[in-house]
Amino acid sequence: MGGVDKLAVIGAGKWGKYLVRNFSELLGQSNVTVCDSNQERLEEVKRDYQEIDTAGRCDEIIEDRSIPAVVISTPGTTHFELTKRALGAGKHVLVERPLAKKVSNAVKLLKLAREKDSTLMVDHLLEYHSAVEVLDEKIESGELGDIYYVHGQRLDLEDLETEEDILWSLGSQEVSLMLYLINKEPKEVTADGGRYLEREKGREDAVFLTVEFEDGVKAHSHLSWLDPHKTRRMTVVGSKKMATFDDMESRNKLWIFDKGAEESGEGGFNVRYGDVYIPNISLEEPMKKMCRHFLHSFENGTEPRSDGKDGLNVLKVLDAARRSLKNGGKPTIVMNVEAG
């Protein structure tokens, strides 16, 4: 990659390891530095990548002028401060979702990135999934017709979150996918859920989320850490066709259904049962595409797909969902906030 001297990954935990692998493949190990306060993690990185540099303090990375870009893969509570410091030092930043915990802090980061002329990108990974890209193309082309509603499920039992509730972990990916596919302004959010394993900490383990967009389009999602089936599925229902993206399928991740209901002309409806087809999609690891997109964005001075504004929009929906949960599931207006 021309124009890249070095890149640093701050945080070598579960997600950080994947980022280290991908950037090492894209840039070469000698151009990647990994920072983590956990010495055992750094030793593991050095065993796997002998040419990678390591650091135990993020100050070393932020103060190093030879490192133009930073990838932040740390707990969500640290995202705002680390991103703020990195942007303040003039670096380009790719940060794990969510961008921040407060809408006001996300706005501050967008303003700072603009002032410093730095790229700010959030790892809304599903926006770089090949099957999602094809689905988005079909929606944009009108093949599915007018979108009526979207229904998603992100369910699991294996990986119980310990630091964040389900809205801020599984929910952030789900909301980013909703916004990407529907591509309309979210207006109102309703969220209801339950605290089963995390009662004392006040964290929801299961949430039912509904987002109403302009023009009456709705998106509904079931999020849960207490389900017997690991599910990563989203269905888009249109006036002409329907489509299902199922990320748990090993190969056939996108299904298009030529089905629908049409007015019969006699005040009723006729159900149309057409063909079902599976597009032939060349699948590439979404994280590899996302990492390459980040490098391309700041090298060429272009806005990334999941830029800071995208991160802010996701955060506004999550914020409204959190307020709705606190108010017993009452419909809650999405903040009308822009980073002006």
C-alpha atoms as a PDB file:
ATOM      1  CA  MET A   1       0.000   0.000   0.000  1.00  0.00           C
ATOM      2  CA  GLY A   2       1.706   3.147  -1.133  1.00  0.00           C
ATOM      3  CA  GLY A   3       1.702   6.108   1.190  1.00  0.00           C
ATOM      4  CA  VAL A   4       1.412   4.083   4.386  1.00  0.00           C
ATOM      5  CA  ASP A   5       4.418   4.157   6.672  1.00  0.00           C
ATOM      6  CA  LYS A   6       2.901   2.542   9.714  1.00  0.00           C
ATOM      7  CA  LEU A   7      -0.357   1.673  11.413  1.00  0.00           C
ATOM      8  CA  ALA A   8      -1.019   0.819  15.043  1.00  0.00           C
ATOM      9  CA  VAL A   9      -3.698  -1.389  16.560  1.00  0.00           C
ATOM     10  CA  ILE A  10      -4.550  -0.456  20.136  1.00  0.00           C
ATOM     11  CA  GLY A  11      -6.060  -3.474  21.865  1.00  0.00           C
ATOM     12  CA  ALA A  12      -5.116  -7.072  21.069  1.00  0.00           C
ATOM     13  CA  GLY A  13      -8.126  -8.825  22.567  1.00  0.00           C
ATOM     14  CA  LYS A  14     -10.600 -11.081  20.771  1.00  0.00           C
ATOM     15  CA  TRP A  15     -11.541  -8.569  18.058  1.00  0.00           C
ATOM     16  CA  GLY A  16      -8.153  -6.888  17.972  1.00  0.00           C
ATOM     17  CA  LYS A  17      -6.441 -10.129  16.966  1.00  0.00           C
ATOM     18  CA  TYR A  18      -8.476 -10.268  13.758  1.00  0.00           C
ATOM     19  CA  LEU A  19      -7.586  -6.655  12.975  1.00  0.00           C
ATOM     20  CA  VAL A  20      -3.894  -7.364  13.571  1.00  0.00           C
ATOM     21  CA  ARG A  21      -4.017 -10.324  11.187  1.00  0.00           C
ATOM     22  CA  ASN A  22      -5.753  -8.402   8.422  1.00  0.00           C
ATOM     23  CA  PHE A  23      -3.595  -5.285   8.570  1.00  0.00           C
ATOM     24  CA  SER A  24      -0.456  -7.460   8.726  1.00  0.00           C
ATOM     25  CA  GLU A  25      -1.569  -9.159   5.518  1.00  0.00           C
ATOM     26  CA  LEU A  26      -2.393  -5.846   3.837  1.00  0.00           C
ATOM     27  CA  LEU A  27       0.631  -3.833   4.966  1.00  0.00           C
ATOM     28  CA  GLY A  28       3.221  -6.380   6.017  1.00  0.00           C
ATOM     29  CA  GLN A  29       4.100  -7.136   9.634  1.00  0.00           C
ATOM     30  CA  SER A  30       6.918  -4.605   9.813  1.00  0.00           C
ATOM     31  CA  ASN A  31       4.431  -1.785   9.183  1.00  0.00           C
ATOM     32  CA  VAL A  32       2.130  -2.729  12.059  1.00  0.00           C
ATOM     33  CA  THR A  33       2.523  -1.905  15.745  1.00  0.00           C
ATOM     34  CA  VAL A  34       0.323  -3.495  18.403  1.00  0.00           C
ATOM     35  CA  CYS A  35      -0.370  -1.828  21.732  1.00  0.00           C
ATOM     36  CA  ASP A  36      -1.891  -3.520  24.777  1.00  0.00           C
ATOM     37  CA  SER A  37      -1.396  -3.109  28.523  1.00  0.00           C
ATOM     38  CA  ASN A  38      -1.680  -6.894  28.906  1.00  0.00           C
ATOM     39  CA  GLN A  39       1.831  -8.295  28.536  1.00  0.00           C
ATOM     40  CA  GLU A  40       0.604 -11.824  27.888  1.00  0.00           C
ATOM     41  CA  ARG A  41      -1.364 -10.612  24.871  1.00  0.00           C
ATOM     42  CA  LEU A  42       1.683  -8.829  23.497  1.00  0.00           C
ATOM     43  CA  GLU A  43       3.789 -11.959  23.914  1.00  0.00           C
ATOM     44  CA  GLU A  44       1.166 -13.933  22.030  1.00  0.00           C
ATOM     45  CA  VAL A  45       1.216 -11.373  19.215  1.00  0.00           C
ATOM     46  CA  LYS A  46       5.021 -11.586  19.008  1.00  0.00           C
ATOM     47  CA  ARG A  47       4.854 -15.372  18.796  1.00  0.00           C
ATOM     48  CA  ASP A  48       2.474 -15.164  15.847  1.00  0.00           C
ATOM     49  CA  TYR A  49       4.013 -12.123  14.133  1.00  0.00           C
ATOM     50  CA  GLN A  50       7.749 -11.914  14.715  1.00  0.00           C
ATOM     51  CA  GLU A  51       8.226  -8.695  12.725  1.00  0.00           C
ATOM     52  CA  ILE A  52       5.487  -6.699  14.480  1.00  0.00           C
ATOM     53  CA  ASP A  53       6.474  -3.972  16.946  1.00  0.00           C
ATOM     54  CA  THR A  54       4.680  -3.870  20.288  1.00  0.00           C
ATOM     55  CA  ALA A  55       4.015  -1.227  22.931  1.00  0.00           C
ATOM     56  CA  GLY A  56       2.555  -1.407  26.416  1.00  0.00           C
ATOM     57  CA  ARG A  57       1.278   2.171  26.614  1.00  0.00           C
ATOM     58  CA  CYS A  58      -1.044   3.934  24.174  1.00  0.00           C
ATOM     59  CA  ASP A  59       0.850   7.199  24.830  1.00  0.00           C
ATOM     60  CA  GLU A  60       3.758   5.718  22.889  1.00  0.00           C
ATOM     61  CA  ILE A  61       1.496   5.243  19.874  1.00  0.00           C
ATOM     62  CA  ILE A  62      -0.304   8.572  20.025  1.00  0.00           C
ATOM     63  CA  GLU A  63       2.936  10.529  20.435  1.00  0.00           C
ATOM     64  CA  ASP A  64       4.735   8.659  17.632  1.00  0.00           C
ATOM     65  CA  ARG A  65       4.620  10.919  14.561  1.00  0.00           C
ATOM     66  CA  SER A  66       5.751   8.098  12.300  1.00  0.00           C
ATOM     67  CA  ILE A  67       2.396   6.356  12.817  1.00  0.00           C
ATOM     68  CA  PRO A  68      -0.278   8.136  10.715  1.00  0.00           C
ATOM     69  CA  ALA A  69      -3.200   5.826  11.508  1.00  0.00           C
ATOM     70  CA  VAL A  70      -4.589   4.116  14.586  1.00  0.00           C
ATOM     71  CA  VAL A  71      -7.101   1.302  14.971  1.00  0.00           C
ATOM     72  CA  ILE A  72      -8.859   1.277  18.348  1.00  0.00           C
ATOM     73  CA  SER A  73     -10.077  -2.124  19.533  1.00  0.00           C
ATOM     74  CA  THR A  74     -10.638  -1.549  23.235  1.00  0.00           C
ATOM     75  CA  PRO A  75     -13.681  -1.667  25.562  1.00  0.00           C
ATOM     76  CA  GLY A  76     -16.479   0.695  24.482  1.00  0.00           C
ATOM     77  CA  THR A  77     -16.089   2.907  27.542  1.00  0.00           C
ATOM     78  CA  THR A  78     -12.617   3.930  26.308  1.00  0.00           C
ATOM     79  CA  HIS A  79     -13.505   4.717  22.692  1.00  0.00           C
ATOM     80  CA  PHE A  80     -14.251   8.396  23.101  1.00  0.00           C
ATOM     81  CA  GLU A  81     -11.112   9.368  25.002  1.00  0.00           C
ATOM     82  CA  LEU A  82      -8.742   7.287  22.882  1.00  0.00           C
ATOM     83  CA  THR A  83     -10.289   8.453  19.620  1.00  0.00           C
ATOM     84  CA  LYS A  84     -10.219  12.064  20.803  1.00  0.00           C
ATOM     85  CA  ARG A  85      -6.513  11.816  21.680  1.00  0.00           C
ATOM     86  CA  ALA A  86      -5.609  10.100  18.419  1.00  0.00           C
ATOM     87  CA  LEU A  87      -7.526  12.612  16.293  1.00  0.00           C
ATOM     88  CA  GLY A  88      -6.031  15.465  18.322  1.00  0.00           C
ATOM     89  CA  ALA A  89      -2.591  14.151  17.374  1.00  0.00           C
ATOM     90  CA  GLY A  90      -3.561  14.354  13.711  1.00  0.00           C
ATOM     91  CA  LYS A  91      -4.008  10.632  13.146  1.00  0.00           C
ATOM     92  CA  HIS A  92      -6.579   8.801  11.033  1.00  0.00           C
ATOM     93  CA  VAL A  93      -8.745   6.553  13.193  1.00  0.00           C
ATOM     94  CA  LEU A  94     -10.708   3.348  12.727  1.00  0.00           C
ATOM     95  CA  VAL A  95     -12.603   2.644  15.951  1.00  0.00           C
ATOM     96  CA  GLU A  96     -14.634  -0.338  17.061  1.00  0.00           C
ATOM     97  CA  ARG A  97     -18.341   0.207  17.470  1.00  0.00           C
ATOM     98  CA  PRO A  98     -19.902   2.065  19.102  1.00  0.00           C
ATOM     99  CA  LEU A  99     -18.146   5.333  18.300  1.00  0.00           C
ATOM    100  CA  ALA A 100     -18.885   6.652  21.810  1.00  0.00           C
ATOM    101  CA  LYS A 101     -21.385   6.143  24.617  1.00  0.00           C
ATOM    102  CA  LYS A 102     -22.910   9.618  24.397  1.00  0.00           C
ATOM    103  CA  VAL A 103     -24.318  11.350  21.326  1.00  0.00           C
ATOM    104  CA  SER A 104     -22.690  14.607  22.427  1.00  0.00           C
ATOM    105  CA  ASN A 105     -19.269  12.943  22.521  1.00  0.00           C
ATOM    106  CA  ALA A 106     -19.736  11.484  19.052  1.00  0.00           C
ATOM    107  CA  VAL A 107     -20.513  14.986  17.763  1.00  0.00           C
ATOM    108  CA  LYS A 108     -17.284  16.241  19.336  1.00  0.00           C
ATOM    109  CA  LEU A 109     -15.286  13.539  17.562  1.00  0.00           C
ATOM    110  CA  LEU A 110     -16.793  14.391  14.181  1.00  0.00           C
ATOM    111  CA  LYS A 111     -15.964  18.055  14.628  1.00  0.00           C
ATOM    112  CA  LEU A 112     -12.416  17.242  15.706  1.00  0.00           C
ATOM    113  CA  ALA A 113     -11.861  14.933  12.728  1.00  0.00           C
ATOM    114  CA  ARG A 114     -13.017  17.693  10.399  1.00  0.00           C
ATOM    115  CA  GLU A 115     -10.778  20.282  12.059  1.00  0.00           C
ATOM    116  CA  LYS A 116      -7.766  17.981  11.793  1.00  0.00           C
ATOM    117  CA  ASP A 117      -8.661  16.850   8.264  1.00  0.00           C
ATOM    118  CA  SER A 118      -8.429  13.254   9.524  1.00  0.00           C
ATOM    119  CA  THR A 119     -10.372  10.174   8.495  1.00  0.00           C
ATOM    120  CA  LEU A 120     -12.748   8.878  11.170  1.00  0.00           C
ATOM    121  CA  MET A 121     -14.258   5.477  10.494  1.00  0.00           C
ATOM    122  CA  VAL A 122     -16.328   3.079  12.616  1.00  0.00           C
ATOM    123  CA  ASP A 123     -16.124  -0.694  12.134  1.00  0.00           C
ATOM    124  CA  HIS A 124     -19.717  -1.312  11.107  1.00  0.00           C
ATOM    125  CA  LEU A 125     -18.510  -4.588   9.691  1.00  0.00           C
ATOM    126  CA  LEU A 126     -21.704  -5.809   8.040  1.00  0.00           C
ATOM    127  CA  GLU A 127     -21.710  -2.846   5.665  1.00  0.00           C
ATOM    128  CA  TYR A 128     -18.688  -4.503   4.020  1.00  0.00           C
ATOM    129  CA  HIS A 129     -20.215  -7.975   3.747  1.00  0.00           C
ATOM    130  CA  SER A 130     -20.401  -9.060   0.098  1.00  0.00           C
ATOM    131  CA  ALA A 131     -23.933 -10.453   0.472  1.00  0.00           C
ATOM    132  CA  VAL A 132     -25.115  -7.242   2.154  1.00  0.00           C
ATOM    133  CA  GLU A 133     -23.614  -5.180  -0.658  1.00  0.00           C
ATOM    134  CA  VAL A 134     -25.537  -7.239  -3.233  1.00  0.00           C
ATOM    135  CA  LEU A 135     -28.733  -6.918  -1.180  1.00  0.00           C
ATOM    136  CA  ASP A 136     -28.256  -3.157  -0.991  1.00  0.00           C
ATOM    137  CA  GLU A 137     -27.810  -3.000  -4.783  1.00  0.00           C
ATOM    138  CA  LYS A 138     -31.081  -4.870  -5.282  1.00  0.00           C
ATOM    139  CA  ILE A 139     -32.909  -2.504  -2.945  1.00  0.00           C
ATOM    140  CA  GLU A 140     -31.431   0.574  -4.621  1.00  0.00           C
ATOM    141  CA  SER A 141     -32.248  -0.723  -8.119  1.00  0.00           C
ATOM    142  CA  GLY A 142     -35.901  -1.151  -7.160  1.00  0.00           C
ATOM    143  CA  GLU A 143     -35.888  -4.903  -7.712  1.00  0.00           C
ATOM    144  CA  LEU A 144     -37.598  -5.462  -4.349  1.00  0.00           C
ATOM    145  CA  GLY A 145     -39.997  -2.564  -4.914  1.00  0.00           C
ATOM    146  CA  ASP A 146     -40.988  -0.233  -2.099  1.00  0.00           C
ATOM    147  CA  ILE A 147     -39.620  -1.475   1.213  1.00  0.00           C
ATOM    148  CA  TYR A 148     -42.396  -2.242   3.687  1.00  0.00           C
ATOM    149  CA  TYR A 149     -40.399  -3.442   6.658  1.00  0.00           C
ATOM    150  CA  VAL A 150     -37.226  -5.182   7.823  1.00  0.00           C
ATOM    151  CA  HIS A 151     -36.998  -7.898  10.441  1.00  0.00           C
ATOM    152  CA  GLY A 152     -33.735  -9.019  12.026  1.00  0.00           C
ATOM    153  CA  GLN A 153     -32.507 -11.538  14.583  1.00  0.00           C
ATOM    154  CA  ARG A 154     -29.156 -11.558  16.358  1.00  0.00           C
ATOM    155  CA  LEU A 155     -29.355 -14.345  18.894  1.00  0.00           C
ATOM    156  CA  ASP A 156     -26.764 -16.342  20.795  1.00  0.00           C
ATOM    157  CA  LEU A 157     -26.035 -18.339  23.915  1.00  0.00           C
ATOM    158  CA  GLU A 158     -22.298 -18.923  23.628  1.00  0.00           C
ATOM    159  CA  ASP A 159     -20.700 -15.526  24.207  1.00  0.00           C
ATOM    160  CA  LEU A 160     -22.341 -13.813  27.156  1.00  0.00           C
ATOM    161  CA  GLU A 161     -21.190 -10.192  27.238  1.00  0.00           C
ATOM    162  CA  THR A 162     -19.617  -9.027  30.493  1.00  0.00           C
ATOM    163  CA  GLU A 163     -18.761  -5.364  29.937  1.00  0.00           C
ATOM    164  CA  GLU A 164     -21.691  -4.006  27.926  1.00  0.00           C
ATOM    165  CA  ASP A 165     -25.362  -4.735  27.592  1.00  0.00           C
ATOM    166  CA  ILE A 166     -26.790  -6.255  24.473  1.00  0.00           C
ATOM    167  CA  LEU A 167     -27.812  -2.937  22.893  1.00  0.00           C
ATOM    168  CA  TRP A 168     -24.249  -1.673  22.760  1.00  0.00           C
ATOM    169  CA  SER A 169     -22.753  -4.917  21.454  1.00  0.00           C
ATOM    170  CA  LEU A 170     -25.103  -6.915  19.206  1.00  0.00           C
ATOM    171  CA  GLY A 171     -27.428  -3.941  18.800  1.00  0.00           C
ATOM    172  CA  SER A 172     -24.827  -1.652  17.273  1.00  0.00           C
ATOM    173  CA  GLN A 173     -24.214  -4.065  14.393  1.00  0.00           C
ATOM    174  CA  GLU A 174     -27.925  -4.625  13.881  1.00  0.00           C
ATOM    175  CA  VAL A 175     -28.759  -0.917  13.815  1.00  0.00           C
ATOM    176  CA  SER A 176     -25.910  -0.138  11.416  1.00  0.00           C
ATOM    177  CA  LEU A 177     -27.285  -2.790   9.041  1.00  0.00           C
ATOM    178  CA  MET A 178     -30.828  -1.377   9.311  1.00  0.00           C
ATOM    179  CA  LEU A 179     -29.655   2.141   8.516  1.00  0.00           C
ATOM    180  CA  TYR A 180     -27.459   0.984   5.647  1.00  0.00           C
ATOM    181  CA  LEU A 181     -30.194  -1.018   3.901  1.00  0.00           C
ATOM    182  CA  ILE A 182     -33.176   1.240   4.535  1.00  0.00           C
ATOM    183  CA  ASN A 183     -31.234   4.459   3.880  1.00  0.00           C
ATOM    184  CA  LYS A 184     -33.909   6.713   5.377  1.00  0.00           C
ATOM    185  CA  GLU A 185     -34.033   8.979   8.402  1.00  0.00           C
ATOM    186  CA  PRO A 186     -34.933   7.155  11.664  1.00  0.00           C
ATOM    187  CA  LYS A 187     -37.669   9.013  13.520  1.00  0.00           C
ATOM    188  CA  GLU A 188     -38.823   6.987  16.518  1.00  0.00           C
ATOM    189  CA  VAL A 189     -37.581   3.997  18.507  1.00  0.00           C
ATOM    190  CA  THR A 190     -39.369   1.558  20.776  1.00  0.00           C
ATOM    191  CA  ALA A 191     -37.385  -0.899  22.882  1.00  0.00           C
ATOM    192  CA  ASP A 192     -38.493  -3.441  25.433  1.00  0.00           C
ATOM    193  CA  GLY A 193     -36.349  -6.064  27.102  1.00  0.00           C
ATOM    194  CA  GLY A 194     -35.486  -8.138  30.120  1.00  0.00           C
ATOM    195  CA  ARG A 195     -32.660  -8.462  32.640  1.00  0.00           C
ATOM    196  CA  TYR A 196     -32.166 -12.099  33.521  1.00  0.00           C
ATOM    197  CA  LEU A 197     -28.479 -12.838  34.079  1.00  0.00           C
ATOM    198  CA  GLU A 198     -27.426  -9.230  34.715  1.00  0.00           C
ATOM    199  CA  ARG A 199     -30.159  -7.981  37.060  1.00  0.00           C
ATOM    200  CA  GLU A 200     -27.775  -6.457  39.599  1.00  0.00           C
ATOM    201  CA  LYS A 201     -25.794  -4.619  36.924  1.00  0.00           C
ATOM    202  CA  GLY A 202     -28.917  -3.320  35.203  1.00  0.00           C
ATOM    203  CA  ARG A 203     -28.050  -4.823  31.829  1.00  0.00           C
ATOM    204  CA  GLU A 204     -30.561  -6.289  29.414  1.00  0.00           C
ATOM    205  CA  ASP A 205     -29.915  -9.795  28.108  1.00  0.00           C
ATOM    206  CA  ALA A 206     -32.771  -9.674  25.597  1.00  0.00           C
ATOM    207  CA  VAL A 207     -34.224  -6.709  23.732  1.00  0.00           C
ATOM    208  CA  PHE A 208     -36.998  -6.294  21.166  1.00  0.00           C
ATOM    209  CA  LEU A 209     -36.203  -3.204  19.124  1.00  0.00           C
ATOM    210  CA  THR A 210     -38.413  -1.346  16.636  1.00  0.00           C
ATOM    211  CA  VAL A 211     -37.219   1.633  14.606  1.00  0.00           C
ATOM    212  CA  GLU A 212     -39.684   3.710  12.581  1.00  0.00           C
ATOM    213  CA  PHE A 213     -38.237   5.585   9.612  1.00  0.00           C
ATOM    214  CA  GLU A 214     -39.583   8.358   7.443  1.00  0.00           C
ATOM    215  CA  ASP A 215     -42.263   7.255   4.939  1.00  0.00           C
ATOM    216  CA  GLY A 216     -43.530   4.751   7.500  1.00  0.00           C
ATOM    217  CA  VAL A 217     -40.882   2.073   6.920  1.00  0.00           C
ATOM    218  CA  LYS A 218     -40.213   0.014  10.048  1.00  0.00           C
ATOM    219  CA  ALA A 219     -37.369  -2.205  11.169  1.00  0.00           C
ATOM    220  CA  HIS A 220     -37.722  -4.701  13.993  1.00  0.00           C
ATOM    221  CA  SER A 221     -34.998  -6.730  15.641  1.00  0.00           C
ATOM    222  CA  HIS A 222     -34.789  -9.387  18.323  1.00  0.00           C
ATOM    223  CA  LEU A 223     -31.495  -9.292  20.233  1.00  0.00           C
ATOM    224  CA  SER A 224     -30.681 -11.950  22.803  1.00  0.00           C
ATOM    225  CA  TRP A 225     -27.854 -13.739  24.608  1.00  0.00           C
ATOM    226  CA  LEU A 226     -30.339 -16.295  25.931  1.00  0.00           C
ATOM    227  CA  ASP A 227     -31.457 -18.212  22.864  1.00  0.00           C
ATOM    228  CA  PRO A 228     -30.722 -21.845  21.951  1.00  0.00           C
ATOM    229  CA  HIS A 229     -29.964 -20.899  18.328  1.00  0.00           C
ATOM    230  CA  LYS A 230     -27.090 -18.758  17.140  1.00  0.00           C
ATOM    231  CA  THR A 231     -28.833 -16.598  14.560  1.00  0.00           C
ATOM    232  CA  ARG A 232     -27.618 -13.764  12.347  1.00  0.00           C
ATOM    233  CA  ARG A 233     -30.485 -13.119   9.942  1.00  0.00           C
ATOM    234  CA  MET A 234     -32.275 -10.153   8.408  1.00  0.00           C
ATOM    235  CA  THR A 235     -35.302 -10.232   6.088  1.00  0.00           C
ATOM    236  CA  VAL A 236     -36.327  -7.336   3.857  1.00  0.00           C
ATOM    237  CA  VAL A 237     -39.957  -7.296   2.686  1.00  0.00           C
ATOM    238  CA  GLY A 238     -40.732  -5.234  -0.398  1.00  0.00           C
ATOM    239  CA  SER A 239     -43.752  -4.631  -2.588  1.00  0.00           C
ATOM    240  CA  LYS A 240     -42.293  -6.718  -5.439  1.00  0.00           C
ATOM    241  CA  LYS A 241     -39.916  -9.197  -3.822  1.00  0.00           C
ATOM    242  CA  MET A 242     -38.499 -10.249  -0.482  1.00  0.00           C
ATOM    243  CA  ALA A 243     -34.946 -11.099   0.521  1.00  0.00           C
ATOM    244  CA  THR A 244     -33.198 -12.797   3.433  1.00  0.00           C
ATOM    245  CA  PHE A 245     -29.575 -12.323   4.444  1.00  0.00           C
ATOM    246  CA  ASP A 246     -28.448 -15.219   6.642  1.00  0.00           C
ATOM    247  CA  ASP A 247     -24.865 -14.925   7.815  1.00  0.00           C
ATOM    248  CA  MET A 248     -24.935 -18.339   9.491  1.00  0.00           C
ATOM    249  CA  GLU A 249     -25.196 -20.037   6.089  1.00  0.00           C
ATOM    250  CA  SER A 250     -21.795 -21.298   5.037  1.00  0.00           C
ATOM    251  CA  ARG A 251     -22.189 -20.344   1.382  1.00  0.00           C
ATOM    252  CA  ASN A 252     -25.713 -19.301   0.343  1.00  0.00           C
ATOM    253  CA  LYS A 253     -26.028 -16.183   2.469  1.00  0.00           C
ATOM    254  CA  LEU A 254     -28.566 -14.256   0.353  1.00  0.00           C
ATOM    255  CA  TRP A 255     -31.953 -15.561  -0.806  1.00  0.00           C
ATOM    256  CA  ILE A 256     -34.329 -13.622  -3.084  1.00  0.00           C
ATOM    257  CA  PHE A 257     -38.016 -14.561  -3.021  1.00  0.00           C
ATOM    258  CA  ASP A 258     -40.247 -13.555  -5.920  1.00  0.00           C
ATOM    259  CA  LYS A 259     -43.256 -13.595  -3.628  1.00  0.00           C
ATOM    260  CA  GLY A 260     -45.745 -10.997  -2.542  1.00  0.00           C
ATOM    261  CA  ALA A 261     -49.358  -9.933  -2.166  1.00  0.00           C
ATOM    262  CA  GLU A 262     -51.142  -7.881  -4.821  1.00  0.00           C
ATOM    263  CA  GLU A 263     -54.555  -6.228  -4.920  1.00  0.00           C
ATOM    264  CA  SER A 264     -57.052  -8.407  -6.759  1.00  0.00           C
ATOM    265  CA  GLY A 265     -59.191  -5.522  -8.016  1.00  0.00           C
ATOM    266  CA  GLU A 266     -62.143  -6.749  -6.005  1.00  0.00           C
ATOM    267  CA  GLY A 267     -61.093  -5.250  -2.698  1.00  0.00           C
ATOM    268  CA  GLY A 268     -59.010  -8.271  -1.760  1.00  0.00           C
ATOM    269  CA  PHE A 269     -55.504  -9.550  -2.330  1.00  0.00           C
ATOM    270  CA  ASN A 270     -53.891 -12.317  -4.311  1.00  0.00           C
ATOM    271  CA  VAL A 271     -50.742 -13.977  -2.995  1.00  0.00           C
ATOM    272  CA  ARG A 272     -48.061 -14.466  -5.637  1.00  0.00           C
ATOM    273  CA  TYR A 273     -45.723 -17.435  -5.307  1.00  0.00           C
ATOM    274  CA  GLY A 274     -42.773 -17.039  -7.653  1.00  0.00           C
ATOM    275  CA  ASP A 275     -39.288 -18.439  -7.868  1.00  0.00           C
ATOM    276  CA  VAL A 276     -36.634 -18.396  -5.180  1.00  0.00           C
ATOM    277  CA  TYR A 277     -33.075 -17.791  -6.299  1.00  0.00           C
ATOM    278  CA  ILE A 278     -29.673 -17.498  -4.681  1.00  0.00           C
ATOM    279  CA  PRO A 279     -27.290 -14.970  -6.269  1.00  0.00           C
ATOM    280  CA  ASN A 280     -23.798 -16.245  -6.998  1.00  0.00           C
ATOM    281  CA  ILE A 281     -21.734 -14.005  -4.724  1.00  0.00           C
ATOM    282  CA  SER A 282     -17.961 -14.011  -4.465  1.00  0.00           C
ATOM    283  CA  LEU A 283     -17.483 -13.901  -0.708  1.00  0.00           C
ATOM    284  CA  GLU A 284     -14.495 -12.125   0.792  1.00  0.00           C
ATOM    285  CA  GLU A 285     -13.828 -11.737   4.496  1.00  0.00           C
ATOM    286  CA  PRO A 286     -15.767  -8.592   5.501  1.00  0.00           C
ATOM    287  CA  MET A 287     -13.047  -7.455   7.888  1.00  0.00           C
ATOM    288  CA  LYS A 288     -10.420  -7.636   5.147  1.00  0.00           C
ATOM    289  CA  LYS A 289     -12.606  -5.458   2.922  1.00  0.00           C
ATOM    290  CA  MET A 290     -13.228  -3.038   5.764  1.00  0.00           C
ATOM    291  CA  CYS A 291      -9.522  -2.742   6.601  1.00  0.00           C
ATOM    292  CA  ARG A 292      -8.642  -2.166   2.952  1.00  0.00           C
ATOM    293  CA  HIS A 293     -11.393   0.450   2.712  1.00  0.00           C
ATOM    294  CA  PHE A 294      -9.937   2.298   5.711  1.00  0.00           C
ATOM    295  CA  LEU A 295      -6.482   2.429   4.144  1.00  0.00           C
ATOM    296  CA  HIS A 296      -7.902   3.543   0.802  1.00  0.00           C
ATOM    297  CA  SER A 297      -9.988   6.281   2.433  1.00  0.00           C
ATOM    298  CA  PHE A 298      -7.224   8.176   4.158  1.00  0.00           C
ATOM    299  CA  GLU A 299      -4.690   7.562   1.408  1.00  0.00           C
ATOM    300  CA  ASN A 300      -7.042   9.085  -1.171  1.00  0.00           C
ATOM    301  CA  GLY A 301      -8.796  11.649   1.020  1.00  0.00           C
ATOM    302  CA  THR A 302     -12.237  10.097   0.505  1.00  0.00           C
ATOM    303  CA  GLU A 303     -14.990   9.591   3.075  1.00  0.00           C
ATOM    304  CA  PRO A 304     -15.313   5.966   4.217  1.00  0.00           C
ATOM    305  CA  ARG A 305     -18.644   4.197   3.901  1.00  0.00           C
ATOM    306  CA  SER A 306     -18.997   3.790   7.686  1.00  0.00           C
ATOM    307  CA  ASP A 307     -17.681   7.250   8.515  1.00  0.00           C
ATOM    308  CA  GLY A 308     -18.085   9.248  11.709  1.00  0.00           C
ATOM    309  CA  LYS A 309     -21.532  10.441  10.623  1.00  0.00           C
ATOM    310  CA  ASP A 310     -22.616   6.835  10.188  1.00  0.00           C
ATOM    311  CA  GLY A 311     -21.324   6.130  13.681  1.00  0.00           C
ATOM    312  CA  LEU A 312     -23.274   9.107  15.031  1.00  0.00           C
ATOM    313  CA  ASN A 313     -26.497   7.970  13.336  1.00  0.00           C
ATOM    314  CA  VAL A 314     -26.202   4.502  14.884  1.00  0.00           C
ATOM    315  CA  LEU A 315     -25.528   6.056  18.269  1.00  0.00           C
ATOM    316  CA  LYS A 316     -28.637   8.265  18.027  1.00  0.00           C
ATOM    317  CA  VAL A 317     -30.811   5.179  17.521  1.00  0.00           C
ATOM    318  CA  LEU A 318     -29.107   3.319  20.384  1.00  0.00           C
ATOM    319  CA  ASP A 319     -29.567   6.366  22.602  1.00  0.00           C
ATOM    320  CA  ALA A 320     -33.277   6.495  21.806  1.00  0.00           C
ATOM    321  CA  ALA A 321     -33.527   2.748  22.464  1.00  0.00           C
ATOM    322  CA  ARG A 322     -31.855   3.161  25.835  1.00  0.00           C
ATOM    323  CA  ARG A 323     -34.263   5.953  26.789  1.00  0.00           C
ATOM    324  CA  SER A 324     -37.208   3.844  25.649  1.00  0.00           C
ATOM    325  CA  LEU A 325     -36.051   0.927  27.810  1.00  0.00           C
ATOM    326  CA  LYS A 326     -35.774   3.190  30.839  1.00  0.00           C
ATOM    327  CA  ASN A 327     -39.316   4.472  30.207  1.00  0.00           C
ATOM    328  CA  GLY A 328     -40.913   1.051  30.091  1.00  0.00           C
ATOM    329  CA  GLY A 329     -40.841   0.635  26.322  1.00  0.00           C
ATOM    330  CA  LYS A 330     -42.470   3.938  25.413  1.00  0.00           C
ATOM    331  CA  PRO A 331     -41.890   5.237  21.847  1.00  0.00           C
ATOM    332  CA  THR A 332     -38.957   7.667  21.912  1.00  0.00           C
ATOM    333  CA  ILE A 333     -37.990  10.327  19.372  1.00  0.00           C
ATOM    334  CA  VAL A 334     -34.508  10.059  17.838  1.00  0.00           C
ATOM    335  CA  MET A 335     -32.348  13.082  18.601  1.00  0.00           C
ATOM    336  CA  ASN A 336     -32.125  15.603  15.761  1.00  0.00           C
ATOM    337  CA  VAL A 337     -28.399  16.210  16.186  1.00  0.00           C
ATOM    338  CA  GLU A 338     -25.845  16.888  13.475  1.00  0.00           C
ATOM    339  CA  ALA A 339     -22.132  17.569  13.683  1.00  0.00           C
ATOM    340  CA  GLY A 340     -22.500  20.999  12.098  1.00  0.00           C
END
